[in-house]
Amino acid sequence: MDIFETIKAQIADNTILLYMKGSPDQPQCGFSAQVIQILMACGERFAYIDILSNPEIRANLPQVSDWPTFPQLFIDGELIGGCDIITEMHQSGELLPLVKEAAGRPAAEAG
C-alpha cells in the first residue's frame, strides 16, 4: 500500500481523526495542544496520528487533504480544518454536535 492509500485508509477507518504534532498527552506545538483541549472538552474518543514520528504522512497528507498546515481534523472522512477553524467552530457551538453525532456511530456507518 502506498502512502496515499495508507492516509486514505486511516481517514476512512477512524470516525474522528486528528493529525497532529505529538500526542494528546504531549502535544509538540501550541496549535495541536489547543485542538486537543477542544476535542477533550467534547468528551468523545478520537484517534490521532503523530506526524512528527511519521514523516512520510507529514510530507504527503497536505496533498490528500488539500490543506497545508497541521493539525488537521477529519470527522466522518471529511476535513474539518485546522486550529483556527476548529476553535471558531467550538466557540460558536458547531463542533460539539458534529463530534457527538460522529461518535455515536461505528466508523463503518459514518459518511
N, C-alpha and C. Protein backbone atom coordinates (compact mmCIF):
# COMPACT_ATOMS: atom_id res chain seq x y z
N MET A 1 0.86 -1.18 0.00
CA MET A 1 0.00 0.00 0.00
C MET A 1 0.90 1.24 0.00
N ASP A 2 0.64 2.16 -0.92
CA ASP A 2 1.47 3.38 -0.92
C ASP A 2 0.97 4.36 0.13
N ILE A 3 1.70 5.42 0.36
CA ILE A 3 1.40 6.34 1.44
C ILE A 3 0.04 7.03 1.25
N PHE A 4 -0.35 7.30 0.02
CA PHE A 4 -1.64 7.93 -0.22
C PHE A 4 -2.78 6.99 0.15
N GLU A 5 -2.63 5.71 -0.19
CA GLU A 5 -3.64 4.71 0.18
C GLU A 5 -3.69 4.55 1.69
N THR A 6 -2.53 4.59 2.34
CA THR A 6 -2.46 4.49 3.80
C THR A 6 -3.22 5.63 4.45
N ILE A 7 -2.96 6.85 4.00
CA ILE A 7 -3.64 8.02 4.56
C ILE A 7 -5.14 7.93 4.34
N LYS A 8 -5.56 7.58 3.15
CA LYS A 8 -6.99 7.47 2.86
C LYS A 8 -7.64 6.40 3.72
N ALA A 9 -6.93 5.29 3.96
CA ALA A 9 -7.46 4.22 4.82
C ALA A 9 -7.57 4.70 6.27
N GLN A 10 -6.58 5.46 6.75
CA GLN A 10 -6.64 5.99 8.11
C GLN A 10 -7.86 6.89 8.28
N ILE A 11 -8.10 7.74 7.31
CA ILE A 11 -9.23 8.67 7.36
C ILE A 11 -10.54 7.89 7.32
N ALA A 12 -10.62 6.88 6.47
CA ALA A 12 -11.84 6.09 6.33
C ALA A 12 -12.10 5.22 7.57
N ASP A 13 -11.04 4.75 8.20
CA ASP A 13 -11.19 3.80 9.32
C ASP A 13 -11.42 4.46 10.67
N ASN A 14 -11.29 5.76 10.76
CA ASN A 14 -11.42 6.47 12.04
C ASN A 14 -12.46 7.58 11.90
N THR A 15 -13.55 7.45 12.63
CA THR A 15 -14.64 8.42 12.53
C THR A 15 -14.18 9.82 12.90
N ILE A 16 -13.37 9.92 13.96
CA ILE A 16 -12.81 11.22 14.38
C ILE A 16 -11.30 11.03 14.43
N LEU A 17 -10.58 11.72 13.57
CA LEU A 17 -9.14 11.52 13.44
C LEU A 17 -8.43 12.87 13.40
N LEU A 18 -7.42 13.00 14.24
CA LEU A 18 -6.62 14.21 14.29
C LEU A 18 -5.18 13.89 13.89
N TYR A 19 -4.71 14.53 12.86
CA TYR A 19 -3.29 14.50 12.51
C TYR A 19 -2.67 15.67 13.25
N MET A 20 -1.70 15.38 14.10
CA MET A 20 -1.15 16.41 14.98
C MET A 20 0.34 16.24 15.17
N LYS A 21 0.95 17.23 15.79
CA LYS A 21 2.36 17.15 16.17
C LYS A 21 2.41 16.71 17.62
N GLY A 22 2.93 15.50 17.84
CA GLY A 22 2.99 14.93 19.17
C GLY A 22 1.81 14.03 19.44
N SER A 23 1.46 13.91 20.73
CA SER A 23 0.35 13.06 21.16
C SER A 23 -0.56 13.88 22.07
N PRO A 24 -1.77 13.38 22.34
CA PRO A 24 -2.65 14.13 23.24
C PRO A 24 -2.02 14.39 24.61
N ASP A 25 -1.21 13.45 25.10
CA ASP A 25 -0.53 13.63 26.38
C ASP A 25 0.65 14.59 26.29
N GLN A 26 1.28 14.65 25.12
CA GLN A 26 2.44 15.51 24.94
C GLN A 26 2.41 16.18 23.56
N PRO A 27 1.51 17.15 23.38
CA PRO A 27 1.49 17.86 22.09
C PRO A 27 2.80 18.61 21.90
N GLN A 28 3.27 18.65 20.65
CA GLN A 28 4.56 19.26 20.35
C GLN A 28 4.43 20.63 19.68
N CYS A 29 3.23 21.18 19.66
CA CYS A 29 3.07 22.56 19.20
C CYS A 29 1.82 23.14 19.84
N GLY A 30 1.76 24.43 19.93
CA GLY A 30 0.64 25.10 20.58
C GLY A 30 -0.69 24.87 19.87
N PHE A 31 -0.67 24.81 18.55
CA PHE A 31 -1.90 24.60 17.80
C PHE A 31 -2.46 23.21 18.06
N SER A 32 -1.58 22.20 18.07
CA SER A 32 -2.03 20.85 18.39
C SER A 32 -2.56 20.78 19.82
N ALA A 33 -1.89 21.45 20.76
CA ALA A 33 -2.34 21.47 22.16
C ALA A 33 -3.73 22.09 22.26
N GLN A 34 -3.96 23.16 21.54
CA GLN A 34 -5.26 23.84 21.59
C GLN A 34 -6.37 22.93 21.05
N VAL A 35 -6.11 22.26 19.94
CA VAL A 35 -7.12 21.37 19.36
C VAL A 35 -7.38 20.19 20.29
N ILE A 36 -6.35 19.66 20.92
CA ILE A 36 -6.53 18.57 21.88
C ILE A 36 -7.45 19.02 23.01
N GLN A 37 -7.23 20.19 23.55
CA GLN A 37 -8.09 20.70 24.63
C GLN A 37 -9.54 20.79 24.18
N ILE A 38 -9.76 21.25 22.97
CA ILE A 38 -11.12 21.38 22.44
C ILE A 38 -11.75 20.00 22.27
N LEU A 39 -11.02 19.06 21.69
CA LEU A 39 -11.58 17.72 21.50
C LEU A 39 -11.85 17.03 22.83
N MET A 40 -10.96 17.21 23.80
CA MET A 40 -11.18 16.64 25.13
C MET A 40 -12.44 17.23 25.76
N ALA A 41 -12.67 18.51 25.55
CA ALA A 41 -13.86 19.17 26.09
C ALA A 41 -15.14 18.60 25.47
N CYS A 42 -15.04 18.06 24.26
CA CYS A 42 -16.20 17.45 23.61
C CYS A 42 -16.56 16.11 24.26
N GLY A 43 -15.60 15.51 24.94
CA GLY A 43 -15.88 14.31 25.72
C GLY A 43 -16.03 13.01 24.96
N GLU A 44 -15.53 12.95 23.74
CA GLU A 44 -15.62 11.72 22.95
C GLU A 44 -14.23 11.22 22.58
N ARG A 45 -14.15 9.93 22.37
CA ARG A 45 -12.87 9.34 21.95
C ARG A 45 -12.56 9.73 20.52
N PHE A 46 -11.28 9.87 20.25
CA PHE A 46 -10.84 10.18 18.90
C PHE A 46 -9.49 9.52 18.67
N ALA A 47 -9.19 9.28 17.42
CA ALA A 47 -7.89 8.73 17.04
C ALA A 47 -6.97 9.89 16.69
N TYR A 48 -5.67 9.63 16.83
CA TYR A 48 -4.70 10.65 16.42
C TYR A 48 -3.52 9.97 15.76
N ILE A 49 -2.84 10.72 14.94
CA ILE A 49 -1.60 10.26 14.32
C ILE A 49 -0.58 11.37 14.49
N ASP A 50 0.56 11.00 15.07
CA ASP A 50 1.66 11.93 15.29
C ASP A 50 2.45 12.06 14.00
N ILE A 51 2.34 13.21 13.35
CA ILE A 51 3.03 13.40 12.08
C ILE A 51 4.53 13.57 12.25
N LEU A 52 4.98 13.91 13.46
CA LEU A 52 6.41 14.05 13.69
C LEU A 52 7.11 12.70 13.67
N SER A 53 6.41 11.65 14.12
CA SER A 53 7.02 10.33 14.09
C SER A 53 6.65 9.57 12.81
N ASN A 54 5.90 10.23 11.93
CA ASN A 54 5.51 9.66 10.64
C ASN A 54 5.80 10.68 9.53
N PRO A 55 7.10 10.91 9.23
CA PRO A 55 7.44 11.97 8.28
C PRO A 55 6.85 11.78 6.89
N GLU A 56 6.62 10.54 6.49
CA GLU A 56 6.04 10.31 5.17
C GLU A 56 4.59 10.80 5.13
N ILE A 57 3.87 10.60 6.22
CA ILE A 57 2.50 11.13 6.31
C ILE A 57 2.54 12.65 6.35
N ARG A 58 3.45 13.19 7.15
CA ARG A 58 3.58 14.65 7.25
C ARG A 58 3.83 15.27 5.88
N ALA A 59 4.67 14.63 5.09
CA ALA A 59 5.02 15.18 3.77
C ALA A 59 3.90 15.05 2.75
N ASN A 60 3.05 14.03 2.88
CA ASN A 60 2.07 13.74 1.84
C ASN A 60 0.63 14.06 2.19
N LEU A 61 0.29 14.18 3.47
CA LEU A 61 -1.09 14.47 3.85
C LEU A 61 -1.60 15.76 3.21
N PRO A 62 -0.83 16.84 3.16
CA PRO A 62 -1.36 18.06 2.53
C PRO A 62 -1.82 17.86 1.08
N GLN A 63 -1.24 16.91 0.37
CA GLN A 63 -1.68 16.63 -1.00
C GLN A 63 -3.03 15.92 -0.99
N VAL A 64 -3.25 15.07 0.00
CA VAL A 64 -4.51 14.33 0.10
C VAL A 64 -5.63 15.25 0.56
N SER A 65 -5.34 16.06 1.58
CA SER A 65 -6.38 16.90 2.19
C SER A 65 -6.54 18.26 1.51
N ASP A 66 -5.55 18.65 0.73
CA ASP A 66 -5.52 19.99 0.13
C ASP A 66 -5.51 21.06 1.23
N TRP A 67 -4.80 20.75 2.33
CA TRP A 67 -4.68 21.66 3.47
C TRP A 67 -3.20 21.67 3.87
N PRO A 68 -2.54 22.82 3.90
CA PRO A 68 -1.09 22.84 4.05
C PRO A 68 -0.54 22.71 5.47
N THR A 69 -1.35 22.99 6.49
CA THR A 69 -0.82 23.09 7.84
C THR A 69 -1.36 21.99 8.75
N PHE A 70 -0.76 21.89 9.93
CA PHE A 70 -1.18 20.93 10.95
C PHE A 70 -1.48 21.67 12.24
N PRO A 71 -2.38 21.16 13.04
CA PRO A 71 -3.11 19.89 12.94
C PRO A 71 -4.22 19.94 11.88
N GLN A 72 -4.71 18.72 11.56
CA GLN A 72 -5.83 18.57 10.65
C GLN A 72 -6.82 17.61 11.29
N LEU A 73 -8.07 18.04 11.39
CA LEU A 73 -9.12 17.21 11.98
C LEU A 73 -10.06 16.70 10.89
N PHE A 74 -10.27 15.39 10.91
CA PHE A 74 -11.22 14.76 10.00
C PHE A 74 -12.35 14.16 10.82
N ILE A 75 -13.58 14.39 10.40
CA ILE A 75 -14.74 13.77 11.02
C ILE A 75 -15.57 13.15 9.89
N ASP A 76 -15.89 11.88 10.07
CA ASP A 76 -16.64 11.14 9.05
C ASP A 76 -15.98 11.23 7.68
N GLY A 77 -14.65 11.16 7.65
CA GLY A 77 -13.92 11.16 6.39
C GLY A 77 -13.77 12.51 5.73
N GLU A 78 -14.25 13.55 6.38
CA GLU A 78 -14.20 14.90 5.79
C GLU A 78 -13.28 15.80 6.60
N LEU A 79 -12.44 16.55 5.90
CA LEU A 79 -11.57 17.50 6.58
C LEU A 79 -12.42 18.61 7.18
N ILE A 80 -12.28 18.82 8.48
CA ILE A 80 -12.97 19.91 9.15
C ILE A 80 -12.12 21.17 9.08
N GLY A 81 -10.82 21.01 9.30
CA GLY A 81 -9.91 22.14 9.19
C GLY A 81 -8.80 22.06 10.19
N GLY A 82 -8.12 23.18 10.36
CA GLY A 82 -7.01 23.29 11.28
C GLY A 82 -7.44 23.99 12.56
N CYS A 83 -6.47 24.45 13.30
CA CYS A 83 -6.70 25.01 14.63
C CYS A 83 -7.69 26.19 14.62
N ASP A 84 -7.52 27.13 13.71
CA ASP A 84 -8.39 28.32 13.70
C ASP A 84 -9.85 27.94 13.44
N ILE A 85 -10.08 27.08 12.47
CA ILE A 85 -11.44 26.69 12.13
C ILE A 85 -12.06 25.87 13.27
N ILE A 86 -11.29 24.95 13.83
CA ILE A 86 -11.79 24.13 14.94
C ILE A 86 -12.12 25.01 16.14
N THR A 87 -11.26 25.97 16.43
CA THR A 87 -11.51 26.89 17.54
C THR A 87 -12.78 27.70 17.30
N GLU A 88 -12.94 28.23 16.10
CA GLU A 88 -14.15 29.00 15.77
C GLU A 88 -15.40 28.14 15.88
N MET A 89 -15.34 26.91 15.38
CA MET A 89 -16.49 26.01 15.44
C MET A 89 -16.82 25.66 16.89
N HIS A 90 -15.81 25.49 17.71
CA HIS A 90 -16.03 25.19 19.14
C HIS A 90 -16.70 26.38 19.83
N GLN A 91 -16.18 27.57 19.57
CA GLN A 91 -16.72 28.77 20.21
C GLN A 91 -18.15 29.07 19.77
N SER A 92 -18.48 28.74 18.54
CA SER A 92 -19.83 29.01 18.03
C SER A 92 -20.81 27.89 18.39
N GLY A 93 -20.30 26.79 18.91
CA GLY A 93 -21.16 25.66 19.26
C GLY A 93 -21.41 24.68 18.13
N GLU A 94 -20.75 24.86 16.99
CA GLU A 94 -20.95 23.97 15.84
C GLU A 94 -20.21 22.64 15.98
N LEU A 95 -19.08 22.64 16.68
CA LEU A 95 -18.23 21.45 16.70
C LEU A 95 -18.82 20.33 17.57
N LEU A 96 -19.31 20.65 18.75
CA LEU A 96 -19.77 19.63 19.68
C LEU A 96 -20.83 18.70 19.08
N PRO A 97 -21.90 19.22 18.45
CA PRO A 97 -22.88 18.29 17.88
C PRO A 97 -22.30 17.42 16.77
N LEU A 98 -21.37 17.97 16.00
CA LEU A 98 -20.71 17.22 14.94
C LEU A 98 -19.92 16.05 15.52
N VAL A 99 -19.16 16.33 16.58
CA VAL A 99 -18.36 15.29 17.25
C VAL A 99 -19.28 14.25 17.90
N LYS A 100 -20.31 14.71 18.59
CA LYS A 100 -21.23 13.80 19.28
C LYS A 100 -21.94 12.89 18.28
N GLU A 101 -22.39 13.45 17.17
CA GLU A 101 -23.06 12.65 16.15
C GLU A 101 -22.12 11.60 15.57
N ALA A 102 -20.91 12.01 15.24
CA ALA A 102 -19.93 11.08 14.67
C ALA A 102 -19.58 9.99 15.68
N ALA A 103 -19.43 10.34 16.94
CA ALA A 103 -19.03 9.38 17.96
C ALA A 103 -20.14 8.38 18.25
N GLY A 104 -21.36 8.71 17.90
CA GLY A 104 -22.49 7.84 18.18
C GLY A 104 -22.64 6.69 17.21
N ARG A 105 -21.77 6.63 16.19
CA ARG A 105 -21.87 5.56 15.19
C ARG A 105 -20.52 4.89 15.01
N PRO A 106 -20.52 3.62 14.69
CA PRO A 106 -19.26 2.98 14.30
C PRO A 106 -18.72 3.60 13.01
N ALA A 107 -17.41 3.56 12.86
CA ALA A 107 -16.77 4.17 11.69
C ALA A 107 -17.32 3.63 10.39
N ALA A 108 -17.66 2.34 10.33
CA ALA A 108 -18.14 1.74 9.10
C ALA A 108 -19.47 2.34 8.64
N GLU A 109 -20.24 2.93 9.57
CA GLU A 109 -21.51 3.53 9.22
C GLU A 109 -21.38 5.02 8.95
N ALA A 110 -20.23 5.59 9.20
CA ALA A 110 -20.03 7.04 9.03
C ALA A 110 -20.06 7.40 7.56
N GLY A 111 -20.40 8.67 7.32
CA GLY A 111 -20.33 9.19 5.97
C GLY A 111 -21.59 9.03 5.29
